[in-house]
Amino acid sequence: MSPAPCAAGPDPGREIHLTAFGDSLTAGFGLRADQAFPACLERLLRAKGFAVSVDNAGVSGDTTAGGLERLDWSIPGTPDGVILELGANDGLRGLPTDMIEANLEAIIDRLAARGAPVMLVGMKAIMNMGPDYGREFAALFSRLAQKHGMVFYPFFLEGVADAPGLNQSDGLHPNAAGTEEVARRVLPSVLEFLRRIAARRGA
């Protein structure tokens, strides 16, 4: 039996459906399905008494342009909320930050038009792109979050990137322990997202 949501959770008595929409970091590259970020996050939420499901709409190698192109078939309905995690592959390729920002904004706008609120997850560019690109890349996420008033988690791999024992051999993707740590760190922001969903539905 699914646990009942906490008093602060959305719509007591009804399961809340979130969708994690992203790239390999969401999809769980190199991991079992139950070790991927959405599954880890769902377990943490249920352990806190929230009846929440977190669908995995991650595609390895995806860019913001790819995410925009597949949005309608990857998220065919209207979930209660979307956790948007895209941009890492754009940064690895050094794609123009204005294009990345425009793609993310288009995704946000299209989800908003369908009535799906968005929580934005940021990323950092790799160092060999140079400090100027790194600053511009990081700034686009915070700028979008501020513009749209979204719950914002600035860096998906905070505390995990480059941490010994938390990454796979490629040095880019978290291992199972690393993904659990990501979910643990993101959890407070997701709880705030759920509170906003509750307020929105109660309005």
N, C-alpha and C. Protein backbone atom coordinates (compact mmCIF):
# COMPACT_ATOMS: atom_id res chain seq x y z
N MET A 1 0.86 -1.20 0.00
CA MET A 1 0.00 0.00 0.00
C MET A 1 0.89 1.24 0.00
N SER A 2 0.55 2.23 -0.84
CA SER A 2 1.33 3.45 -0.89
C SER A 2 1.07 4.28 0.35
N PRO A 3 2.13 4.92 0.89
CA PRO A 3 1.92 5.76 2.06
C PRO A 3 1.14 7.00 1.71
N ALA A 4 0.38 7.49 2.67
CA ALA A 4 -0.37 8.72 2.45
C ALA A 4 0.57 9.90 2.45
N PRO A 5 0.24 10.95 1.68
CA PRO A 5 1.11 12.11 1.67
C PRO A 5 1.11 12.83 3.00
N CYS A 6 2.20 13.55 3.25
CA CYS A 6 2.26 14.42 4.42
C CYS A 6 1.25 15.55 4.27
N ALA A 7 0.98 16.22 5.38
CA ALA A 7 0.02 17.33 5.32
C ALA A 7 0.46 18.41 4.36
N ALA A 8 1.81 18.58 4.20
CA ALA A 8 2.32 19.62 3.31
C ALA A 8 2.31 19.19 1.85
N GLY A 9 1.98 17.93 1.58
CA GLY A 9 2.02 17.43 0.22
C GLY A 9 0.78 17.82 -0.56
N PRO A 10 0.85 17.69 -1.89
CA PRO A 10 -0.28 18.06 -2.72
C PRO A 10 -1.43 17.05 -2.63
N ASP A 11 -2.64 17.55 -2.68
CA ASP A 11 -3.85 16.75 -2.81
C ASP A 11 -3.84 15.44 -2.05
N PRO A 12 -4.00 15.47 -0.74
CA PRO A 12 -4.03 14.22 0.03
C PRO A 12 -5.02 13.23 -0.57
N GLY A 13 -4.65 11.97 -0.59
CA GLY A 13 -5.52 10.94 -1.12
C GLY A 13 -5.32 10.64 -2.58
N ARG A 14 -4.50 11.41 -3.27
CA ARG A 14 -4.26 11.16 -4.68
C ARG A 14 -2.76 11.14 -4.94
N GLU A 15 -2.31 10.13 -5.68
CA GLU A 15 -0.89 10.07 -6.00
C GLU A 15 -0.50 11.23 -6.91
N ILE A 16 0.66 11.79 -6.64
CA ILE A 16 1.17 12.91 -7.44
C ILE A 16 2.14 12.36 -8.48
N HIS A 17 1.98 12.80 -9.70
CA HIS A 17 2.81 12.33 -10.80
C HIS A 17 3.79 13.41 -11.24
N LEU A 18 5.07 13.18 -10.99
CA LEU A 18 6.12 14.04 -11.48
C LEU A 18 6.82 13.35 -12.65
N THR A 19 7.36 14.15 -13.56
CA THR A 19 8.18 13.61 -14.64
C THR A 19 9.55 14.27 -14.59
N ALA A 20 10.59 13.45 -14.57
CA ALA A 20 11.97 13.95 -14.67
C ALA A 20 12.35 13.91 -16.15
N PHE A 21 12.58 15.07 -16.72
CA PHE A 21 12.81 15.21 -18.16
C PHE A 21 14.24 15.69 -18.37
N GLY A 22 15.09 14.81 -18.91
CA GLY A 22 16.48 15.21 -19.02
C GLY A 22 17.29 14.31 -19.92
N ASP A 23 18.60 14.30 -19.65
CA ASP A 23 19.56 13.56 -20.46
C ASP A 23 20.01 12.30 -19.72
N SER A 24 21.26 11.87 -19.95
CA SER A 24 21.75 10.63 -19.33
C SER A 24 21.79 10.70 -17.81
N LEU A 25 21.92 11.89 -17.25
CA LEU A 25 21.95 12.04 -15.80
C LEU A 25 20.59 11.70 -15.19
N THR A 26 19.54 11.95 -15.94
CA THR A 26 18.20 11.55 -15.53
C THR A 26 17.93 10.11 -15.92
N ALA A 27 18.31 9.75 -17.14
CA ALA A 27 18.02 8.41 -17.66
C ALA A 27 18.68 7.32 -16.83
N GLY A 28 19.86 7.62 -16.26
CA GLY A 28 20.58 6.63 -15.47
C GLY A 28 21.57 5.84 -16.30
N PHE A 29 22.36 6.54 -17.10
CA PHE A 29 23.36 5.89 -17.94
C PHE A 29 24.25 4.96 -17.11
N GLY A 30 24.38 3.70 -17.57
CA GLY A 30 25.23 2.74 -16.90
C GLY A 30 24.65 2.13 -15.64
N LEU A 31 23.40 2.45 -15.33
CA LEU A 31 22.76 1.98 -14.10
C LEU A 31 21.51 1.17 -14.42
N ARG A 32 21.06 0.38 -13.45
CA ARG A 32 19.76 -0.26 -13.57
C ARG A 32 18.66 0.80 -13.45
N ALA A 33 17.49 0.48 -13.95
CA ALA A 33 16.38 1.43 -13.89
C ALA A 33 16.07 1.86 -12.46
N ASP A 34 16.19 0.93 -11.51
CA ASP A 34 15.87 1.26 -10.12
C ASP A 34 16.98 2.05 -9.43
N GLN A 35 18.11 2.26 -10.13
CA GLN A 35 19.21 3.05 -9.59
C GLN A 35 19.25 4.46 -10.19
N ALA A 36 18.43 4.72 -11.19
CA ALA A 36 18.42 6.03 -11.86
C ALA A 36 17.84 7.09 -10.92
N PHE A 37 18.14 8.34 -11.21
CA PHE A 37 17.71 9.46 -10.37
C PHE A 37 16.21 9.46 -10.08
N PRO A 38 15.33 9.32 -11.09
CA PRO A 38 13.90 9.36 -10.77
C PRO A 38 13.47 8.30 -9.77
N ALA A 39 14.01 7.09 -9.90
CA ALA A 39 13.66 6.01 -8.96
C ALA A 39 14.18 6.31 -7.56
N CYS A 40 15.41 6.83 -7.48
CA CYS A 40 15.97 7.20 -6.17
C CYS A 40 15.14 8.28 -5.51
N LEU A 41 14.77 9.29 -6.28
CA LEU A 41 13.98 10.39 -5.74
C LEU A 41 12.62 9.91 -5.28
N GLU A 42 11.99 9.06 -6.06
CA GLU A 42 10.67 8.53 -5.68
C GLU A 42 10.76 7.79 -4.34
N ARG A 43 11.79 6.98 -4.16
CA ARG A 43 11.94 6.25 -2.89
C ARG A 43 12.09 7.20 -1.72
N LEU A 44 12.88 8.25 -1.90
CA LEU A 44 13.08 9.22 -0.82
C LEU A 44 11.77 9.93 -0.47
N LEU A 45 11.01 10.30 -1.48
CA LEU A 45 9.74 10.99 -1.26
C LEU A 45 8.74 10.08 -0.54
N ARG A 46 8.67 8.84 -0.97
CA ARG A 46 7.74 7.91 -0.33
C ARG A 46 8.16 7.60 1.10
N ALA A 47 9.46 7.59 1.34
CA ALA A 47 9.94 7.36 2.71
C ALA A 47 9.53 8.50 3.63
N LYS A 48 9.30 9.69 3.05
CA LYS A 48 8.85 10.84 3.84
C LYS A 48 7.34 10.94 3.89
N GLY A 49 6.65 9.96 3.31
CA GLY A 49 5.19 9.93 3.41
C GLY A 49 4.46 10.56 2.26
N PHE A 50 5.16 10.87 1.17
CA PHE A 50 4.52 11.45 0.00
C PHE A 50 4.16 10.35 -1.00
N ALA A 51 2.90 10.30 -1.41
CA ALA A 51 2.48 9.36 -2.45
C ALA A 51 2.80 10.00 -3.79
N VAL A 52 4.04 9.83 -4.22
CA VAL A 52 4.53 10.48 -5.43
C VAL A 52 5.20 9.44 -6.33
N SER A 53 4.86 9.49 -7.62
CA SER A 53 5.58 8.71 -8.61
C SER A 53 6.42 9.68 -9.44
N VAL A 54 7.61 9.23 -9.83
CA VAL A 54 8.50 10.07 -10.63
C VAL A 54 8.85 9.30 -11.90
N ASP A 55 8.27 9.70 -13.01
CA ASP A 55 8.51 9.04 -14.28
C ASP A 55 9.87 9.46 -14.84
N ASN A 56 10.52 8.51 -15.50
CA ASN A 56 11.83 8.76 -16.09
C ASN A 56 11.68 9.06 -17.57
N ALA A 57 11.83 10.34 -17.93
CA ALA A 57 11.79 10.76 -19.34
C ALA A 57 13.16 11.28 -19.74
N GLY A 58 14.20 10.56 -19.32
CA GLY A 58 15.56 10.92 -19.67
C GLY A 58 16.03 10.14 -20.89
N VAL A 59 16.83 10.79 -21.73
CA VAL A 59 17.41 10.15 -22.91
C VAL A 59 18.90 10.47 -22.94
N SER A 60 19.72 9.45 -22.91
CA SER A 60 21.17 9.66 -22.92
C SER A 60 21.60 10.38 -24.20
N GLY A 61 22.50 11.35 -24.02
CA GLY A 61 23.02 12.12 -25.14
C GLY A 61 22.15 13.28 -25.57
N ASP A 62 21.02 13.46 -24.91
CA ASP A 62 20.08 14.50 -25.34
C ASP A 62 20.63 15.89 -25.08
N THR A 63 20.32 16.81 -25.97
CA THR A 63 20.61 18.22 -25.81
C THR A 63 19.30 18.96 -25.55
N THR A 64 19.40 20.26 -25.31
CA THR A 64 18.18 21.04 -25.13
C THR A 64 17.36 21.05 -26.41
N ALA A 65 18.02 21.07 -27.57
CA ALA A 65 17.29 21.03 -28.84
C ALA A 65 16.58 19.69 -29.00
N GLY A 66 17.27 18.61 -28.63
CA GLY A 66 16.64 17.29 -28.71
C GLY A 66 15.47 17.17 -27.76
N GLY A 67 15.62 17.73 -26.56
CA GLY A 67 14.52 17.70 -25.60
C GLY A 67 13.31 18.45 -26.10
N LEU A 68 13.54 19.61 -26.72
CA LEU A 68 12.43 20.40 -27.26
C LEU A 68 11.73 19.63 -28.37
N GLU A 69 12.50 18.94 -29.19
CA GLU A 69 11.92 18.21 -30.31
C GLU A 69 11.07 17.03 -29.85
N ARG A 70 11.49 16.36 -28.78
CA ARG A 70 10.76 15.17 -28.33
C ARG A 70 9.77 15.44 -27.20
N LEU A 71 9.61 16.67 -26.82
CA LEU A 71 8.81 17.01 -25.63
C LEU A 71 7.42 16.40 -25.67
N ASP A 72 6.72 16.57 -26.77
CA ASP A 72 5.31 16.16 -26.82
C ASP A 72 5.13 14.66 -26.70
N TRP A 73 6.04 13.86 -27.29
CA TRP A 73 5.85 12.41 -27.18
C TRP A 73 6.51 11.84 -25.93
N SER A 74 7.49 12.55 -25.37
CA SER A 74 8.11 12.08 -24.13
C SER A 74 7.23 12.37 -22.92
N ILE A 75 6.48 13.47 -22.99
CA ILE A 75 5.54 13.83 -21.92
C ILE A 75 4.18 14.05 -22.59
N PRO A 76 3.47 12.97 -22.92
CA PRO A 76 2.25 13.10 -23.71
C PRO A 76 1.07 13.71 -22.95
N GLY A 77 1.01 13.52 -21.66
CA GLY A 77 -0.09 14.08 -20.88
C GLY A 77 0.35 15.33 -20.15
N THR A 78 -0.30 15.58 -19.03
CA THR A 78 0.05 16.74 -18.20
C THR A 78 0.34 16.25 -16.79
N PRO A 79 1.61 16.01 -16.46
CA PRO A 79 1.95 15.59 -15.10
C PRO A 79 1.70 16.72 -14.11
N ASP A 80 1.72 16.39 -12.84
CA ASP A 80 1.54 17.42 -11.81
C ASP A 80 2.72 18.38 -11.76
N GLY A 81 3.87 17.92 -12.21
CA GLY A 81 5.06 18.78 -12.26
C GLY A 81 6.15 18.10 -13.06
N VAL A 82 7.07 18.91 -13.59
CA VAL A 82 8.18 18.41 -14.39
C VAL A 82 9.49 18.93 -13.80
N ILE A 83 10.42 18.01 -13.56
CA ILE A 83 11.78 18.37 -13.15
C ILE A 83 12.63 18.40 -14.41
N LEU A 84 13.05 19.58 -14.81
CA LEU A 84 13.74 19.77 -16.09
C LEU A 84 15.25 19.79 -15.88
N GLU A 85 15.94 18.78 -16.43
CA GLU A 85 17.38 18.65 -16.31
C GLU A 85 17.98 18.42 -17.70
N LEU A 86 18.30 19.51 -18.37
CA LEU A 86 18.92 19.45 -19.69
C LEU A 86 19.97 20.54 -19.81
N GLY A 87 20.95 20.30 -20.65
CA GLY A 87 21.98 21.31 -20.90
C GLY A 87 23.40 20.79 -20.77
N ALA A 88 23.57 19.66 -20.07
CA ALA A 88 24.92 19.14 -19.87
C ALA A 88 25.61 18.83 -21.19
N ASN A 89 24.90 18.20 -22.12
CA ASN A 89 25.51 17.85 -23.40
C ASN A 89 25.75 19.08 -24.27
N ASP A 90 24.89 20.09 -24.14
CA ASP A 90 25.14 21.36 -24.83
C ASP A 90 26.45 21.96 -24.35
N GLY A 91 26.64 21.93 -23.02
CA GLY A 91 27.86 22.48 -22.45
C GLY A 91 29.09 21.72 -22.86
N LEU A 92 29.00 20.39 -22.92
CA LEU A 92 30.13 19.58 -23.35
C LEU A 92 30.55 19.92 -24.78
N ARG A 93 29.59 20.31 -25.60
CA ARG A 93 29.87 20.64 -27.00
C ARG A 93 30.17 22.13 -27.21
N GLY A 94 30.06 22.90 -26.15
CA GLY A 94 30.32 24.32 -26.27
C GLY A 94 29.31 25.05 -27.14
N LEU A 95 28.05 24.60 -27.11
CA LEU A 95 27.03 25.24 -27.95
C LEU A 95 26.71 26.63 -27.42
N PRO A 96 26.26 27.53 -28.28
CA PRO A 96 25.99 28.91 -27.87
C PRO A 96 24.98 28.98 -26.72
N THR A 97 25.32 29.77 -25.72
CA THR A 97 24.46 29.82 -24.53
C THR A 97 23.11 30.46 -24.84
N ASP A 98 23.05 31.37 -25.79
CA ASP A 98 21.76 31.97 -26.11
C ASP A 98 20.82 30.95 -26.74
N MET A 99 21.38 30.02 -27.50
CA MET A 99 20.57 28.96 -28.10
C MET A 99 20.08 28.00 -27.02
N ILE A 100 20.97 27.64 -26.08
CA ILE A 100 20.58 26.76 -24.98
C ILE A 100 19.43 27.39 -24.19
N GLU A 101 19.59 28.66 -23.88
CA GLU A 101 18.56 29.37 -23.10
C GLU A 101 17.24 29.42 -23.84
N ALA A 102 17.29 29.68 -25.15
CA ALA A 102 16.06 29.75 -25.94
C ALA A 102 15.35 28.40 -25.99
N ASN A 103 16.13 27.31 -26.11
CA ASN A 103 15.52 25.98 -26.13
C ASN A 103 14.85 25.65 -24.80
N LEU A 104 15.55 25.94 -23.70
CA LEU A 104 14.97 25.67 -22.38
C LEU A 104 13.72 26.51 -22.15
N GLU A 105 13.76 27.76 -22.56
CA GLU A 105 12.59 28.62 -22.37
C GLU A 105 11.41 28.11 -23.18
N ALA A 106 11.68 27.62 -24.39
CA ALA A 106 10.59 27.07 -25.20
C ALA A 106 9.97 25.84 -24.53
N ILE A 107 10.81 25.00 -23.93
CA ILE A 107 10.30 23.83 -23.20
C ILE A 107 9.43 24.28 -22.03
N ILE A 108 9.95 25.23 -21.26
CA ILE A 108 9.21 25.75 -20.10
C ILE A 108 7.88 26.34 -20.52
N ASP A 109 7.89 27.13 -21.58
CA ASP A 109 6.67 27.78 -22.05
C ASP A 109 5.64 26.77 -22.54
N ARG A 110 6.11 25.75 -23.24
CA ARG A 110 5.18 24.75 -23.76
C ARG A 110 4.57 23.92 -22.64
N LEU A 111 5.35 23.63 -21.62
CA LEU A 111 4.81 22.91 -20.47
C LEU A 111 3.83 23.79 -19.70
N ALA A 112 4.16 25.06 -19.55
CA ALA A 112 3.26 25.99 -18.86
C ALA A 112 1.92 26.10 -19.58
N ALA A 113 1.97 26.10 -20.91
CA ALA A 113 0.74 26.19 -21.69
C ALA A 113 -0.15 24.96 -21.48
N ARG A 114 0.46 23.86 -21.10
CA ARG A 114 -0.29 22.63 -20.82
C ARG A 114 -0.67 22.52 -19.35
N GLY A 115 -0.26 23.50 -18.55
CA GLY A 115 -0.62 23.49 -17.13
C GLY A 115 0.30 22.69 -16.26
N ALA A 116 1.53 22.42 -16.74
CA ALA A 116 2.50 21.64 -15.97
C ALA A 116 3.59 22.56 -15.42
N PRO A 117 3.64 22.78 -14.10
CA PRO A 117 4.70 23.59 -13.51
C PRO A 117 6.05 22.90 -13.64
N VAL A 118 7.11 23.69 -13.65
CA VAL A 118 8.46 23.18 -13.88
C VAL A 118 9.39 23.57 -12.75
N MET A 119 10.19 22.61 -12.32
CA MET A 119 11.33 22.86 -11.45
C MET A 119 12.58 22.74 -12.32
N LEU A 120 13.43 23.75 -12.28
CA LEU A 120 14.62 23.77 -13.14
C LEU A 120 15.85 23.32 -12.39
N VAL A 121 16.62 22.43 -13.04
CA VAL A 121 17.89 21.97 -12.49
C VAL A 121 19.02 22.48 -13.36
N GLY A 122 19.99 23.15 -12.76
CA GLY A 122 21.09 23.73 -13.51
C GLY A 122 22.27 22.78 -13.66
N MET A 123 23.22 23.22 -14.46
CA MET A 123 24.42 22.44 -14.74
C MET A 123 25.59 23.41 -14.86
N LYS A 124 26.79 22.86 -14.80
CA LYS A 124 27.99 23.65 -15.01
C LYS A 124 28.73 23.12 -16.24
N ALA A 125 29.37 24.01 -16.97
CA ALA A 125 30.15 23.60 -18.14
C ALA A 125 31.51 23.09 -17.69
N ILE A 126 32.10 22.20 -18.48
CA ILE A 126 33.42 21.69 -18.15
C ILE A 126 34.45 22.80 -18.29
N MET A 127 35.52 22.71 -17.52
CA MET A 127 36.48 23.80 -17.39
C MET A 127 37.20 24.14 -18.70
N ASN A 128 37.39 23.16 -19.58
CA ASN A 128 38.17 23.45 -20.79
C ASN A 128 37.44 24.32 -21.80
N MET A 129 36.18 24.69 -21.49
CA MET A 129 35.47 25.64 -22.34
C MET A 129 35.84 27.09 -22.01
N GLY A 130 36.59 27.27 -20.94
CA GLY A 130 37.02 28.61 -20.57
C GLY A 130 36.12 29.25 -19.55
N PRO A 131 36.66 30.20 -18.76
CA PRO A 131 35.88 30.80 -17.68
C PRO A 131 34.70 31.64 -18.16
N ASP A 132 34.87 32.32 -19.29
CA ASP A 132 33.77 33.17 -19.78
C ASP A 132 32.56 32.32 -20.17
N TYR A 133 32.84 31.25 -20.90
CA TYR A 133 31.74 30.37 -21.29
C TYR A 133 31.10 29.74 -20.05
N GLY A 134 31.92 29.34 -19.09
CA GLY A 134 31.40 28.74 -17.87
C GLY A 134 30.46 29.67 -17.13
N ARG A 135 30.84 30.94 -17.04
CA ARG A 135 29.98 31.92 -16.35
C ARG A 135 28.68 32.14 -17.11
N GLU A 136 28.77 32.27 -18.43
CA GLU A 136 27.57 32.49 -19.23
C GLU A 136 26.64 31.28 -19.15
N PHE A 137 27.24 30.09 -19.17
CA PHE A 137 26.46 28.86 -19.12
C PHE A 137 25.70 28.76 -17.79
N ALA A 138 26.39 28.96 -16.68
CA ALA A 138 25.74 28.87 -15.37
C ALA A 138 24.66 29.94 -15.21
N ALA A 139 24.92 31.13 -15.75
CA ALA A 139 24.00 32.25 -15.57
C ALA A 139 22.67 32.04 -16.28
N LEU A 140 22.69 31.32 -17.39
CA LEU A 140 21.44 31.17 -18.16
C LEU A 140 20.39 30.41 -17.35
N PHE A 141 20.82 29.45 -16.54
CA PHE A 141 19.86 28.68 -15.74
C PHE A 141 19.24 29.55 -14.64
N SER A 142 20.09 30.29 -13.93
CA SER A 142 19.57 31.14 -12.86
C SER A 142 18.69 32.25 -13.43
N ARG A 143 19.04 32.74 -14.61
CA ARG A 143 18.24 33.79 -15.24
C ARG A 143 16.84 33.26 -15.59
N LEU A 144 16.78 32.07 -16.16
CA LEU A 144 15.49 31.48 -16.49
C LEU A 144 14.66 31.23 -15.24
N ALA A 145 15.31 30.70 -14.20
CA ALA A 145 14.58 30.42 -12.96
C ALA A 145 13.99 31.68 -12.37
N GLN A 146 14.76 32.75 -12.38
CA GLN A 146 14.28 34.01 -11.83
C GLN A 146 13.15 34.59 -12.69
N LYS A 147 13.32 34.52 -13.99
CA LYS A 147 12.32 35.08 -14.90
C LYS A 147 10.97 34.39 -14.74
N HIS A 148 10.99 33.08 -14.57
CA HIS A 148 9.74 32.31 -14.51
C HIS A 148 9.32 31.98 -13.08
N GLY A 149 10.09 32.42 -12.09
CA GLY A 149 9.73 32.18 -10.69
C GLY A 149 9.69 30.71 -10.32
N MET A 150 10.61 29.93 -10.89
CA MET A 150 10.60 28.49 -10.68
C MET A 150 11.44 28.08 -9.48
N VAL A 151 11.10 26.94 -8.88
CA VAL A 151 12.01 26.30 -7.95
C VAL A 151 13.26 25.92 -8.73
N PHE A 152 14.44 26.20 -8.15
CA PHE A 152 15.69 26.07 -8.89
C PHE A 152 16.74 25.38 -8.04
N TYR A 153 17.32 24.32 -8.59
CA TYR A 153 18.47 23.66 -7.96
C TYR A 153 19.66 23.93 -8.87
N PRO A 154 20.63 24.73 -8.45
CA PRO A 154 21.63 25.28 -9.37
C PRO A 154 22.55 24.29 -10.07
N PHE A 155 22.93 23.19 -9.41
CA PHE A 155 23.90 22.29 -10.02
C PHE A 155 23.54 20.85 -9.69
N PHE A 156 23.09 20.11 -10.69
CA PHE A 156 22.60 18.75 -10.48
C PHE A 156 23.62 17.86 -9.79
N LEU A 157 24.90 18.03 -10.11
CA LEU A 157 25.95 17.16 -9.58
C LEU A 157 26.67 17.75 -8.37
N GLU A 158 26.04 18.68 -7.68
CA GLU A 158 26.63 19.30 -6.49
C GLU A 158 27.03 18.21 -5.48
N GLY A 159 28.29 18.25 -5.06
CA GLY A 159 28.77 17.30 -4.08
C GLY A 159 29.10 15.93 -4.64
N VAL A 160 28.86 15.74 -5.92
CA VAL A 160 29.08 14.44 -6.55
C VAL A 160 30.13 14.52 -7.66
N ALA A 161 30.10 15.58 -8.44
CA ALA A 161 31.07 15.74 -9.52
C ALA A 161 32.49 15.66 -8.95
N ASP A 162 33.30 14.82 -9.54
CA ASP A 162 34.72 14.65 -9.15
C ASP A 162 34.91 14.02 -7.77
N ALA A 163 33.82 13.59 -7.13
CA ALA A 163 33.96 12.98 -5.80
C ALA A 163 34.42 11.53 -5.95
N PRO A 164 35.50 11.15 -5.30
CA PRO A 164 35.98 9.77 -5.39
C PRO A 164 34.90 8.79 -4.91
N GLY A 165 34.71 7.75 -5.67
CA GLY A 165 33.77 6.71 -5.27
C GLY A 165 32.33 6.97 -5.64
N LEU A 166 32.00 8.15 -6.20
CA LEU A 166 30.61 8.47 -6.52
C LEU A 166 30.35 8.54 -8.02
N ASN A 167 31.39 8.27 -8.83
CA ASN A 167 31.24 8.37 -10.28
C ASN A 167 31.69 7.10 -10.97
N GLN A 168 31.14 6.90 -12.16
CA GLN A 168 31.56 5.79 -13.00
C GLN A 168 32.94 6.07 -13.58
N SER A 169 33.49 5.11 -14.29
CA SER A 169 34.86 5.23 -14.78
C SER A 169 35.05 6.34 -15.80
N ASP A 170 33.95 6.79 -16.43
CA ASP A 170 34.09 7.89 -17.40
C ASP A 170 34.27 9.25 -16.73
N GLY A 171 34.05 9.31 -15.42
CA GLY A 171 34.21 10.56 -14.70
C GLY A 171 33.11 11.57 -14.94
N LEU A 172 32.09 11.20 -15.70
CA LEU A 172 31.01 12.13 -16.05
C LEU A 172 29.67 11.74 -15.44
N HIS A 173 29.46 10.44 -15.26
CA HIS A 173 28.16 9.97 -14.80
C HIS A 173 28.26 9.38 -13.40
N PRO A 174 27.34 9.74 -12.51
CA PRO A 174 27.36 9.17 -11.16
C PRO A 174 27.12 7.66 -11.20
N ASN A 175 27.73 6.95 -10.26
CA ASN A 175 27.41 5.55 -10.07
C ASN A 175 26.16 5.46 -9.19
N ALA A 176 25.81 4.26 -8.77
CA ALA A 176 24.58 4.10 -7.98
C ALA A 176 24.64 4.91 -6.69
N ALA A 177 25.78 4.89 -6.00
CA ALA A 177 25.91 5.66 -4.77
C ALA A 177 25.86 7.15 -5.06
N GLY A 178 26.46 7.57 -6.16
CA GLY A 178 26.45 8.97 -6.53
C GLY A 178 25.05 9.47 -6.85
N THR A 179 24.29 8.64 -7.54
CA THR A 179 22.92 9.03 -7.89
C THR A 179 22.05 9.13 -6.64
N GLU A 180 22.24 8.24 -5.69
CA GLU A 180 21.53 8.34 -4.41
C GLU A 180 21.87 9.66 -3.72
N GLU A 181 23.13 10.07 -3.79
CA GLU A 181 23.55 11.33 -3.17
C GLU A 181 22.95 12.52 -3.89
N VAL A 182 22.89 12.46 -5.22
CA VAL A 182 22.24 13.52 -5.98
C VAL A 182 20.79 13.67 -5.53
N ALA A 183 20.06 12.56 -5.47
CA ALA A 183 18.66 12.61 -5.08
C ALA A 183 18.50 13.16 -3.67
N ARG A 184 19.39 12.78 -2.76
CA ARG A 184 19.32 13.28 -1.38
C ARG A 184 19.50 14.79 -1.33
N ARG A 185 20.43 15.28 -2.13
CA ARG A 185 20.69 16.72 -2.13
C ARG A 185 19.59 17.53 -2.82
N VAL A 186 18.99 16.95 -3.85
CA VAL A 186 17.93 17.64 -4.59
C VAL A 186 16.61 17.62 -3.82
N LEU A 187 16.46 16.67 -2.92
CA LEU A 187 15.18 16.45 -2.23
C LEU A 187 14.57 17.72 -1.62
N PRO A 188 15.31 18.56 -0.86
CA PRO A 188 14.67 19.74 -0.29
C PRO A 188 14.03 20.65 -1.34
N SER A 189 14.67 20.79 -2.49
CA SER A 189 14.10 21.61 -3.56
C SER A 189 12.84 20.96 -4.12
N VAL A 190 12.84 19.64 -4.22
CA VAL A 190 11.65 18.94 -4.71
C VAL A 190 10.50 19.08 -3.71
N LEU A 191 10.81 19.05 -2.42
CA LEU A 191 9.76 19.25 -1.42
C LEU A 191 9.15 20.65 -1.54
N GLU A 192 9.96 21.63 -1.81
CA GLU A 192 9.44 22.98 -2.05
C GLU A 192 8.56 22.99 -3.30
N PHE A 193 8.99 22.27 -4.33
CA PHE A 193 8.21 22.15 -5.56
C PHE A 193 6.84 21.54 -5.27
N LEU A 194 6.81 20.50 -4.44
CA LEU A 194 5.54 19.88 -4.07
C LEU A 194 4.66 20.85 -3.28
N ARG A 195 5.26 21.65 -2.43
CA ARG A 195 4.48 22.64 -1.68
C ARG A 195 3.84 23.65 -2.63
N ARG A 196 4.58 24.03 -3.66
CA ARG A 196 4.02 24.98 -4.63
C ARG A 196 2.90 24.34 -5.44
N ILE A 197 3.08 23.07 -5.76
CA ILE A 197 2.01 22.36 -6.48
C ILE A 197 0.75 22.31 -5.61
N ALA A 198 0.93 22.06 -4.30
CA ALA A 198 -0.21 22.02 -3.38
C ALA A 198 -0.91 23.37 -3.34
N ALA A 199 -0.12 24.44 -3.25
CA ALA A 199 -0.71 25.79 -3.19
C ALA A 199 -1.44 26.12 -4.48
N ARG A 200 -0.87 25.71 -5.58
CA ARG A 200 -1.49 25.97 -6.89
C ARG A 200 -2.81 25.25 -7.01
N ARG A 201 -2.87 24.02 -6.54
CA ARG A 201 -4.11 23.25 -6.65
C ARG A 201 -5.16 23.71 -5.65
N GLY A 202 -4.68 24.33 -4.55
CA GLY A 202 -5.63 24.80 -3.54
C GLY A 202 -6.17 26.19 -3.83
N ALA A 203 -5.56 26.84 -4.85
CA ALA A 203 -5.97 28.22 -5.15
C ALA A 203 -7.37 28.27 -5.76
